[in-house]
């Protein structure tokens, strides 16, 4: 994986964090995945270690949970 992946659910906390992440690391260095719209990616996110969103998955596999918008369990329903 060459890019970081930013996972979010579209809530105000997530959207604000998305803008900050893009500002910090650059849009070309991050893939944005909206789990509310791309529910097929929830299992991928869980497998990577995400417990809540917003979260950033780094290229070396570390998960950085940012603030708290929603748990992954809440997104499944």
PDB file of N, CA and C in Angstrom:
ATOM      1  N   UNK A   1       0.855  -1.175   0.000  1.00  0.00           N
ATOM      2  CA  UNK A   1       0.000   0.000   0.000  1.00  0.00           C
ATOM      3  C   UNK A   1       0.897   1.232   0.000  1.00  0.00           C
ATOM      4  N   UNK A   2       0.687   2.109  -0.951  1.00  0.00           N
ATOM      5  CA  UNK A   2       1.503   3.318  -1.057  1.00  0.00           C
ATOM      6  C   UNK A   2       0.865   4.533  -0.410  1.00  0.00           C
ATOM      7  N   UNK A   3      -0.454   4.574  -0.395  1.00  0.00           N
ATOM      8  CA  UNK A   3      -1.179   5.706   0.165  1.00  0.00           C
ATOM      9  C   UNK A   3      -1.764   5.338   1.517  1.00  0.00           C
ATOM     10  N   UNK A   4      -2.008   6.367   2.310  1.00  0.00           N
ATOM     11  CA  UNK A   4      -2.823   6.182   3.505  1.00  0.00           C
ATOM     12  C   UNK A   4      -4.269   6.081   3.053  1.00  0.00           C
ATOM     13  N   UNK A   5      -5.100   5.458   3.869  1.00  0.00           N
ATOM     14  CA  UNK A   5      -6.530   5.378   3.572  1.00  0.00           C
ATOM     15  C   UNK A   5      -7.268   6.012   4.736  1.00  0.00           C
ATOM     16  N   UNK A   6      -8.093   7.006   4.417  1.00  0.00           N
ATOM     17  CA  UNK A   6      -8.900   7.675   5.432  1.00  0.00           C
ATOM     18  C   UNK A   6     -10.320   7.152   5.324  1.00  0.00           C
ATOM     19  N   UNK A   7     -10.786   6.529   6.400  1.00  0.00           N
ATOM     20  CA  UNK A   7     -12.138   5.986   6.454  1.00  0.00           C
ATOM     21  C   UNK A   7     -13.019   6.931   7.265  1.00  0.00           C
ATOM     22  N   UNK A   8     -14.234   7.180   6.754  1.00  0.00           N
ATOM     23  CA  UNK A   8     -15.172   7.997   7.511  1.00  0.00           C
ATOM     24  C   UNK A   8     -16.603   7.614   7.165  1.00  0.00           C
ATOM     25  N   UNK A   9     -17.554   8.252   7.859  1.00  0.00           N
ATOM     26  CA  UNK A   9     -18.963   7.925   7.664  1.00  0.00           C
ATOM     27  C   UNK A   9     -19.801   9.133   7.261  1.00  0.00           C
ATOM     28  N   UNK A  10     -19.169  10.250   7.021  1.00  0.00           N
ATOM     29  CA  UNK A  10     -19.893  11.416   6.540  1.00  0.00           C
ATOM     30  C   UNK A  10     -20.426  12.359   7.598  1.00  0.00           C
ATOM     31  N   UNK A  11     -20.236  12.039   8.869  1.00  0.00           N
ATOM     32  CA  UNK A  11     -20.715  12.924   9.931  1.00  0.00           C
ATOM     33  C   UNK A  11     -19.838  14.182   9.983  1.00  0.00           C
ATOM     34  N   UNK A  12     -20.285  15.232  10.672  1.00  0.00           N
ATOM     35  CA  UNK A  12     -19.487  16.464  10.742  1.00  0.00           C
ATOM     36  C   UNK A  12     -18.070  16.256  11.299  1.00  0.00           C
ATOM     37  N   UNK A  13     -17.930  15.388  12.310  1.00  0.00           N
ATOM     38  CA  UNK A  13     -16.600  15.092  12.860  1.00  0.00           C
ATOM     39  C   UNK A  13     -15.712  14.498  11.770  1.00  0.00           C
ATOM     40  N   UNK A  14     -16.273  13.564  10.992  1.00  0.00           N
ATOM     41  CA  UNK A  14     -15.518  12.887   9.934  1.00  0.00           C
ATOM     42  C   UNK A  14     -15.131  13.841   8.804  1.00  0.00           C
ATOM     43  N   UNK A  15     -16.069  14.670   8.386  1.00  0.00           N
ATOM     44  CA  UNK A  15     -15.809  15.596   7.285  1.00  0.00           C
ATOM     45  C   UNK A  15     -14.727  16.599   7.683  1.00  0.00           C
ATOM     46  N   UNK A  16     -14.785  17.079   8.908  1.00  0.00           N
ATOM     47  CA  UNK A  16     -13.761  18.003   9.401  1.00  0.00           C
ATOM     48  C   UNK A  16     -12.395  17.328   9.440  1.00  0.00           C
ATOM     49  N   UNK A  17     -12.352  16.101   9.943  1.00  0.00           N
ATOM     50  CA  UNK A  17     -11.094  15.354  10.003  1.00  0.00           C
ATOM     51  C   UNK A  17     -10.566  15.074   8.597  1.00  0.00           C
ATOM     52  N   UNK A  18     -11.453  14.772   7.651  1.00  0.00           N
ATOM     53  CA  UNK A  18     -11.038  14.528   6.267  1.00  0.00           C
ATOM     54  C   UNK A  18     -10.312  15.749   5.699  1.00  0.00           C
ATOM     55  N   UNK A  19     -10.873  16.919   5.914  1.00  0.00           N
ATOM     56  CA  UNK A  19     -10.249  18.143   5.400  1.00  0.00           C
ATOM     57  C   UNK A  19      -8.883  18.385   6.053  1.00  0.00           C
ATOM     58  N   UNK A  20      -8.781  18.112   7.344  1.00  0.00           N
ATOM     59  CA  UNK A  20      -7.504  18.269   8.036  1.00  0.00           C
ATOM     60  C   UNK A  20      -6.461  17.277   7.520  1.00  0.00           C
ATOM     61  N   UNK A  21      -6.860  16.029   7.306  1.00  0.00           N
ATOM     62  CA  UNK A  21      -5.936  15.011   6.799  1.00  0.00           C
ATOM     63  C   UNK A  21      -5.428  15.401   5.412  1.00  0.00           C
ATOM     64  N   UNK A  22      -6.350  15.825   4.554  1.00  0.00           N
ATOM     65  CA  UNK A  22      -5.948  16.244   3.194  1.00  0.00           C
ATOM     66  C   UNK A  22      -4.985  17.413   3.271  1.00  0.00           C
ATOM     67  N   UNK A  23      -5.272  18.352   4.148  1.00  0.00           N
ATOM     68  CA  UNK A  23      -4.397  19.515   4.316  1.00  0.00           C
ATOM     69  C   UNK A  23      -3.020  19.114   4.832  1.00  0.00           C
ATOM     70  N   UNK A  24      -2.975  18.152   5.741  1.00  0.00           N
ATOM     71  CA  UNK A  24      -1.709  17.735   6.347  1.00  0.00           C
ATOM     72  C   UNK A  24      -0.837  16.876   5.433  1.00  0.00           C
ATOM     73  N   UNK A  25      -1.439  15.897   4.748  1.00  0.00           N
ATOM     74  CA  UNK A  25      -0.609  14.955   3.991  1.00  0.00           C
ATOM     75  C   UNK A  25      -0.783  15.049   2.475  1.00  0.00           C
ATOM     76  N   UNK A  26      -1.756  15.836   2.041  1.00  0.00           N
ATOM     77  CA  UNK A  26      -1.945  16.044   0.607  1.00  0.00           C
ATOM     78  C   UNK A  26      -2.918  15.048   0.006  1.00  0.00           C
ATOM     79  N   UNK A  27      -3.798  15.554  -0.843  1.00  0.00           N
ATOM     80  CA  UNK A  27      -4.837  14.724  -1.452  1.00  0.00           C
ATOM     81  C   UNK A  27      -4.264  13.566  -2.265  1.00  0.00           C
ATOM     82  N   UNK A  28      -3.094  13.770  -2.853  1.00  0.00           N
ATOM     83  CA  UNK A  28      -2.474  12.724  -3.673  1.00  0.00           C
ATOM     84  C   UNK A  28      -1.918  11.574  -2.830  1.00  0.00           C
ATOM     85  N   UNK A  29      -1.814  11.776  -1.521  1.00  0.00           N
ATOM     86  CA  UNK A  29      -1.239  10.761  -0.635  1.00  0.00           C
ATOM     87  C   UNK A  29      -2.260   9.996   0.188  1.00  0.00           C
ATOM     88  N   UNK A  30      -3.544  10.260  -0.052  1.00  0.00           N
ATOM     89  CA  UNK A  30      -4.581   9.617   0.757  1.00  0.00           C
ATOM     90  C   UNK A  30      -5.766   9.217  -0.119  1.00  0.00           C
ATOM     91  N   UNK A  31      -6.251   8.027   0.126  1.00  0.00           N
ATOM     92  CA  UNK A  31      -7.479   7.547  -0.508  1.00  0.00           C
ATOM     93  C   UNK A  31      -8.600   7.734   0.517  1.00  0.00           C
ATOM     94  N   UNK A  32      -9.703   8.315   0.096  1.00  0.00           N
ATOM     95  CA  UNK A  32     -10.827   8.566   0.988  1.00  0.00           C
ATOM     96  C   UNK A  32     -11.893   7.494   0.756  1.00  0.00           C
ATOM     97  N   UNK A  33     -12.322   6.850   1.838  1.00  0.00           N
ATOM     98  CA  UNK A  33     -13.392   5.856   1.743  1.00  0.00           C
ATOM     99  C   UNK A  33     -14.497   6.244   2.714  1.00  0.00           C
ATOM    100  N   UNK A  34     -15.661   6.523   2.165  1.00  0.00           N
ATOM    101  CA  UNK A  34     -16.858   6.881   2.929  1.00  0.00           C
ATOM    102  C   UNK A  34     -17.624   5.586   3.170  1.00  0.00           C
ATOM    103  N   UNK A  35     -17.521   5.054   4.383  1.00  0.00           N
ATOM    104  CA  UNK A  35     -18.130   3.753   4.687  1.00  0.00           C
ATOM    105  C   UNK A  35     -19.654   3.789   4.680  1.00  0.00           C
ATOM    106  N   UNK A  36     -20.242   4.963   4.822  1.00  0.00           N
ATOM    107  CA  UNK A  36     -21.690   5.070   4.719  1.00  0.00           C
ATOM    108  C   UNK A  36     -22.166   4.841   3.294  1.00  0.00           C
ATOM    109  N   UNK A  37     -21.331   5.195   2.325  1.00  0.00           N
ATOM    110  CA  UNK A  37     -21.660   5.031   0.911  1.00  0.00           C
ATOM    111  C   UNK A  37     -21.024   3.790   0.301  1.00  0.00           C
ATOM    112  N   UNK A  38     -19.941   3.318   0.880  1.00  0.00           N
ATOM    113  CA  UNK A  38     -19.208   2.155   0.362  1.00  0.00           C
ATOM    114  C   UNK A  38     -19.204   1.055   1.417  1.00  0.00           C
ATOM    115  N   UNK A  39     -20.377   0.545   1.726  1.00  0.00           N
ATOM    116  CA  UNK A  39     -20.497  -0.430   2.803  1.00  0.00           C
ATOM    117  C   UNK A  39     -19.767  -1.731   2.512  1.00  0.00           C
ATOM    118  N   UNK A  40     -19.455  -1.988   1.252  1.00  0.00           N
ATOM    119  CA  UNK A  40     -18.675  -3.182   0.921  1.00  0.00           C
ATOM    120  C   UNK A  40     -17.251  -3.091   1.455  1.00  0.00           C
ATOM    121  N   UNK A  41     -16.839  -1.918   1.897  1.00  0.00           N
ATOM    122  CA  UNK A  41     -15.499  -1.720   2.436  1.00  0.00           C
ATOM    123  C   UNK A  41     -15.427  -1.861   3.958  1.00  0.00           C
ATOM    124  N   UNK A  42     -16.576  -2.052   4.607  1.00  0.00           N
ATOM    125  CA  UNK A  42     -16.593  -2.168   6.069  1.00  0.00           C
ATOM    126  C   UNK A  42     -15.768  -3.369   6.529  1.00  0.00           C
ATOM    127  N   UNK A  43     -15.947  -4.515   5.901  1.00  0.00           N
ATOM    128  CA  UNK A  43     -15.190  -5.708   6.290  1.00  0.00           C
ATOM    129  C   UNK A  43     -13.696  -5.505   6.065  1.00  0.00           C
ATOM    130  N   UNK A  44     -13.334  -4.841   4.985  1.00  0.00           N
ATOM    131  CA  UNK A  44     -11.918  -4.543   4.707  1.00  0.00           C
ATOM    132  C   UNK A  44     -11.355  -3.665   5.822  1.00  0.00           C
ATOM    133  N   UNK A  45     -12.123  -2.659   6.216  1.00  0.00           N
ATOM    134  CA  UNK A  45     -11.688  -1.755   7.287  1.00  0.00           C
ATOM    135  C   UNK A  45     -11.537  -2.503   8.607  1.00  0.00           C
ATOM    136  N   UNK A  46     -12.495  -3.359   8.924  1.00  0.00           N
ATOM    137  CA  UNK A  46     -12.413  -4.151  10.154  1.00  0.00           C
ATOM    138  C   UNK A  46     -11.191  -5.061  10.151  1.00  0.00           C
ATOM    139  N   UNK A  47     -10.949  -5.694   9.041  1.00  0.00           N
ATOM    140  CA  UNK A  47      -9.792  -6.591   8.920  1.00  0.00           C
ATOM    141  C   UNK A  47      -8.490  -5.830   9.135  1.00  0.00           C
ATOM    142  N   UNK A  48      -8.465  -4.564   8.707  1.00  0.00           N
ATOM    143  CA  UNK A  48      -7.282  -3.724   8.887  1.00  0.00           C
ATOM    144  C   UNK A  48      -7.116  -3.263  10.329  1.00  0.00           C
ATOM    145  N   UNK A  49      -8.191  -3.402  11.145  1.00  0.00           N
ATOM    146  CA  UNK A  49      -8.091  -3.043  12.555  1.00  0.00           C
ATOM    147  C   UNK A  49      -8.911  -1.846  12.984  1.00  0.00           C
ATOM    148  N   UNK A  50      -9.737  -1.300  12.100  1.00  0.00           N
ATOM    149  CA  UNK A  50     -10.557  -0.159  12.476  1.00  0.00           C
ATOM    150  C   UNK A  50     -11.635  -0.562  13.467  1.00  0.00           C
ATOM    151  N   UNK A  51     -11.809   0.264  14.475  1.00  0.00           N
ATOM    152  CA  UNK A  51     -12.850   0.067  15.479  1.00  0.00           C
ATOM    153  C   UNK A  51     -13.905   1.163  15.395  1.00  0.00           C
ATOM    154  N   UNK A  52     -13.488   2.335  14.864  1.00  0.00           N
ATOM    155  CA  UNK A  52     -14.388   3.476  14.745  1.00  0.00           C
ATOM    156  C   UNK A  52     -13.880   4.381  13.627  1.00  0.00           C
ATOM    157  N   UNK A  53     -14.743   5.302  13.238  1.00  0.00           N
ATOM    158  CA  UNK A  53     -14.363   6.312  12.252  1.00  0.00           C
ATOM    159  C   UNK A  53     -14.592   7.680  12.870  1.00  0.00           C
ATOM    160  N   UNK A  54     -13.852   8.670  12.452  1.00  0.00           N
ATOM    161  CA  UNK A  54     -12.847   8.660  11.402  1.00  0.00           C
ATOM    162  C   UNK A  54     -11.563   7.972  11.858  1.00  0.00           C
ATOM    163  N   UNK A  55     -10.890   7.381  10.884  1.00  0.00           N
ATOM    164  CA  UNK A  55      -9.621   6.710  11.157  1.00  0.00           C
ATOM    165  C   UNK A  55      -8.745   6.745   9.909  1.00  0.00           C
ATOM    166  N   UNK A  56      -7.460   6.747  10.139  1.00  0.00           N
ATOM    167  CA  UNK A  56      -6.487   6.754   9.057  1.00  0.00           C
ATOM    168  C   UNK A  56      -5.665   5.476   9.131  1.00  0.00           C
ATOM    169  N   UNK A  57      -5.650   4.738   8.044  1.00  0.00           N
ATOM    170  CA  UNK A  57      -4.805   3.551   7.920  1.00  0.00           C
ATOM    171  C   UNK A  57      -3.543   3.985   7.190  1.00  0.00           C
ATOM    172  N   UNK A  58      -2.400   3.864   7.850  1.00  0.00           N
ATOM    173  CA  UNK A  58      -1.145   4.309   7.255  1.00  0.00           C
ATOM    174  C   UNK A  58      -0.605   3.260   6.284  1.00  0.00           C
ATOM    175  N   UNK A  59       0.311   3.648   5.414  1.00  0.00           N
ATOM    176  CA  UNK A  59       0.870   2.701   4.450  1.00  0.00           C
ATOM    177  C   UNK A  59       1.525   1.475   5.092  1.00  0.00           C
ATOM    178  N   UNK A  60       2.011   1.604   6.322  1.00  0.00           N
ATOM    179  CA  UNK A  60       2.641   0.440   6.965  1.00  0.00           C
ATOM    180  C   UNK A  60       1.663  -0.349   7.826  1.00  0.00           C
ATOM    181  N   UNK A  61       0.348  -0.027   7.734  1.00  0.00           N
ATOM    182  CA  UNK A  61      -0.676  -0.832   8.402  1.00  0.00           C
ATOM    183  C   UNK A  61      -1.122  -0.366   9.767  1.00  0.00           C
ATOM    184  N   UNK A  62      -0.606   0.750  10.256  1.00  0.00           N
ATOM    185  CA  UNK A  62      -1.065   1.272  11.538  1.00  0.00           C
ATOM    186  C   UNK A  62      -2.406   1.964  11.367  1.00  0.00           C
ATOM    187  N   UNK A  63      -3.292   1.790  12.342  1.00  0.00           N
ATOM    188  CA  UNK A  63      -4.589   2.454  12.334  1.00  0.00           C
ATOM    189  C   UNK A  63      -4.548   3.583  13.350  1.00  0.00           C
ATOM    190  N   UNK A  64      -4.827   4.787  12.883  1.00  0.00           N
ATOM    191  CA  UNK A  64      -4.870   5.958  13.749  1.00  0.00           C
ATOM    192  C   UNK A  64      -6.326   6.384  13.878  1.00  0.00           C
ATOM    193  N   UNK A  65      -6.930   6.098  15.022  1.00  0.00           N
ATOM    194  CA  UNK A  65      -8.314   6.497  15.261  1.00  0.00           C
ATOM    195  C   UNK A  65      -8.308   7.973  15.644  1.00  0.00           C
ATOM    196  N   UNK A  66      -9.131   8.746  14.958  1.00  0.00           N
ATOM    197  CA  UNK A  66      -9.154  10.195  15.129  1.00  0.00           C
ATOM    198  C   UNK A  66     -10.492  10.600  15.743  1.00  0.00           C
ATOM    199  N   UNK A  67     -10.444  11.194  16.940  1.00  0.00           N
ATOM    200  CA  UNK A  67     -11.668  11.625  17.595  1.00  0.00           C
ATOM    201  C   UNK A  67     -12.634  10.453  17.650  1.00  0.00           C
ATOM    202  N   UNK A  68     -13.927  10.700  17.577  1.00  0.00           N
ATOM    203  CA  UNK A  68     -14.890   9.594  17.527  1.00  0.00           C
ATOM    204  C   UNK A  68     -16.149  10.082  16.846  1.00  0.00           C
ATOM    205  N   UNK A  69     -16.479   9.444  15.737  1.00  0.00           N
ATOM    206  CA  UNK A  69     -17.699   9.774  15.008  1.00  0.00           C
ATOM    207  C   UNK A  69     -18.717   8.670  15.125  1.00  0.00           C
ATOM    208  N   UNK A  70     -18.279   7.428  14.834  1.00  0.00           N
ATOM    209  CA  UNK A  70     -19.179   6.273  14.900  1.00  0.00           C
ATOM    210  C   UNK A  70     -18.344   5.007  15.003  1.00  0.00           C
ATOM    211  N   UNK A  71     -18.895   4.008  15.674  1.00  0.00           N
ATOM    212  CA  UNK A  71     -18.200   2.716  15.722  1.00  0.00           C
ATOM    213  C   UNK A  71     -18.465   1.964  14.430  1.00  0.00           C
ATOM    214  N   UNK A  72     -17.586   1.039  14.114  1.00  0.00           N
ATOM    215  CA  UNK A  72     -17.781   0.188  12.926  1.00  0.00           C
ATOM    216  C   UNK A  72     -19.075  -0.614  13.079  1.00  0.00           C
ATOM    217  N   UNK A  73     -19.390  -1.055  14.275  1.00  0.00           N
ATOM    218  CA  UNK A  73     -20.621  -1.797  14.518  1.00  0.00           C
ATOM    219  C   UNK A  73     -21.856  -0.983  14.143  1.00  0.00           C
ATOM    220  N   UNK A  74     -21.827   0.314  14.456  1.00  0.00           N
ATOM    221  CA  UNK A  74     -22.965   1.175  14.101  1.00  0.00           C
ATOM    222  C   UNK A  74     -23.146   1.286  12.593  1.00  0.00           C
ATOM    223  N   UNK A  75     -22.066   1.213  11.845  1.00  0.00           N
ATOM    224  CA  UNK A  75     -22.137   1.338  10.389  1.00  0.00           C
ATOM    225  C   UNK A  75     -22.709   0.099   9.711  1.00  0.00           C
ATOM    226  N   UNK A  76     -22.680  -1.014  10.401  1.00  0.00           N
ATOM    227  CA  UNK A  76     -23.203  -2.260   9.835  1.00  0.00           C
ATOM    228  C   UNK A  76     -24.722  -2.300   9.811  1.00  0.00           C
ATOM    229  N   UNK A  77     -25.352  -1.505  10.632  1.00  0.00           N
ATOM    230  CA  UNK A  77     -26.821  -1.538  10.751  1.00  0.00           C
ATOM    231  C   UNK A  77     -27.505  -0.617   9.784  1.00  0.00           C
TER     232      UNK A  77
END
